[in-house]
Amino acid sequence: MAINKKEFINRMAESGQVTKKSCREYLDLVLDTFYELLEEGEEIKFYGIMNAEAKLTPERPARNPMTGKKCIVPEHKRIKIKVSEPVIRKLNEEE
């Protein structure tokens, strides 16, 4: 089951015993800051949780699977996110 943003905010407000409005504002602020930092080329490190960074993928040749014709995939940014070991252990109940 996937949790959408609205459900996440509801759960956060319930757990923290705060208003949904304040949770929405803070979550939007966190996400906006996250996006800005990645656009600026910064690496984001939340110790014990995850690392995230934008990487530039160079232009490369490819083949269109529908037509079989060769094409060029232009260079583009991709997001690399690595989840830390403590999170993985917690999910697997090894702690």
Protein backbone atom coordinates (compact mmCIF):
# COMPACT_ATOMS: atom_id res chain seq x y z
CA MET A 1 0.00 0.00 0.00
CA ALA A 2 1.28 3.46 -0.88
CA ILE A 3 0.78 6.48 1.36
CA ASN A 4 0.08 9.74 -0.43
CA LYS A 5 1.04 13.19 0.85
CA LYS A 6 -2.38 13.85 2.44
CA GLU A 7 -2.33 10.56 4.35
CA PHE A 8 1.27 11.20 5.43
CA ILE A 9 0.28 14.61 6.82
CA ASN A 10 -2.71 13.09 8.63
CA ARG A 11 -0.48 10.44 10.24
CA MET A 12 2.14 13.01 11.18
CA ALA A 13 -0.46 15.31 12.77
CA GLU A 14 -1.95 12.39 14.69
CA SER A 15 1.43 11.16 15.95
CA GLY A 16 2.69 14.61 16.91
CA GLN A 17 -0.65 15.85 18.24
CA VAL A 18 -0.40 18.99 16.10
CA THR A 19 -2.62 20.50 13.44
CA LYS A 20 -2.74 19.15 9.90
CA LYS A 21 -2.19 22.69 8.62
CA SER A 22 1.11 23.08 10.48
CA CYS A 23 2.24 19.63 9.33
CA ARG A 24 1.42 20.50 5.71
CA GLU A 25 3.34 23.80 5.97
CA TYR A 26 6.42 22.15 7.46
CA LEU A 27 6.38 19.24 5.02
CA ASP A 28 6.09 21.66 2.08
CA LEU A 29 9.00 23.68 3.49
CA VAL A 30 11.14 20.55 3.89
CA LEU A 31 10.37 19.34 0.35
CA ASP A 32 10.94 22.78 -1.22
CA THR A 33 14.30 23.06 0.55
CA PHE A 34 15.19 19.50 -0.49
CA TYR A 35 14.44 20.29 -4.17
CA GLU A 36 16.35 23.59 -4.06
CA LEU A 37 19.45 21.98 -2.58
CA LEU A 38 19.44 19.21 -5.20
CA GLU A 39 19.04 21.77 -8.00
CA GLU A 40 22.06 23.65 -6.60
CA GLY A 41 24.11 20.46 -6.77
CA GLU A 42 24.31 19.94 -3.01
CA GLU A 43 24.49 16.49 -1.45
CA ILE A 44 21.96 16.06 1.35
CA LYS A 45 23.02 13.84 4.26
CA PHE A 46 20.63 12.94 7.05
CA TYR A 47 22.89 10.92 9.33
CA GLY A 48 21.36 7.57 10.15
CA ILE A 49 18.58 8.01 7.58
CA MET A 50 19.74 8.65 4.01
CA ASN A 51 21.96 10.49 1.53
CA ALA A 52 20.61 12.14 -1.62
CA GLU A 53 22.35 13.86 -4.51
CA ALA A 54 21.68 14.90 -8.10
CA LYS A 55 24.03 13.30 -10.62
CA LEU A 56 24.50 14.36 -14.24
CA THR A 57 24.06 11.42 -16.61
CA PRO A 58 25.99 11.99 -19.84
CA GLU A 59 24.47 11.84 -23.32
CA ARG A 60 24.39 8.29 -24.69
CA PRO A 61 23.28 6.35 -27.73
CA ALA A 62 20.14 4.21 -27.42
CA ARG A 63 17.57 2.37 -29.50
CA ASN A 64 13.87 3.14 -29.67
CA PRO A 65 12.17 -0.14 -28.67
CA MET A 66 9.04 0.67 -30.73
CA THR A 67 10.78 1.42 -34.04
CA GLY A 68 14.22 -0.10 -33.57
CA LYS A 69 15.82 3.15 -34.75
CA LYS A 70 18.95 4.51 -33.09
CA CYS A 71 18.61 7.73 -31.11
CA ILE A 72 20.53 9.84 -28.63
CA VAL A 73 19.40 10.20 -25.01
CA PRO A 74 20.41 13.73 -23.99
CA GLU A 75 22.37 14.38 -20.79
CA HIS A 76 20.09 14.77 -17.81
CA LYS A 77 20.09 14.88 -14.03
CA ARG A 78 19.00 11.90 -11.98
CA ILE A 79 18.53 11.62 -8.25
CA LYS A 80 20.56 9.05 -6.33
CA ILE A 81 19.20 8.21 -2.88
CA LYS A 82 20.95 5.79 -0.55
CA VAL A 83 19.15 4.64 2.58
CA SER A 84 21.39 4.14 5.62
CA GLU A 85 22.05 0.85 7.35
CA PRO A 86 20.21 1.80 10.60
CA VAL A 87 17.00 2.31 8.60
CA ILE A 88 17.45 -1.00 6.80
CA ARG A 89 18.13 -2.79 10.09
CA LYS A 90 15.09 -1.19 11.71
CA LEU A 91 12.87 -2.30 8.82
CA ASN A 92 14.26 -5.82 9.14
CA GLU A 93 13.97 -5.73 12.95
CA GLU A 94 17.65 -6.55 13.49
CA GLU A 95 18.16 -3.92 16.18
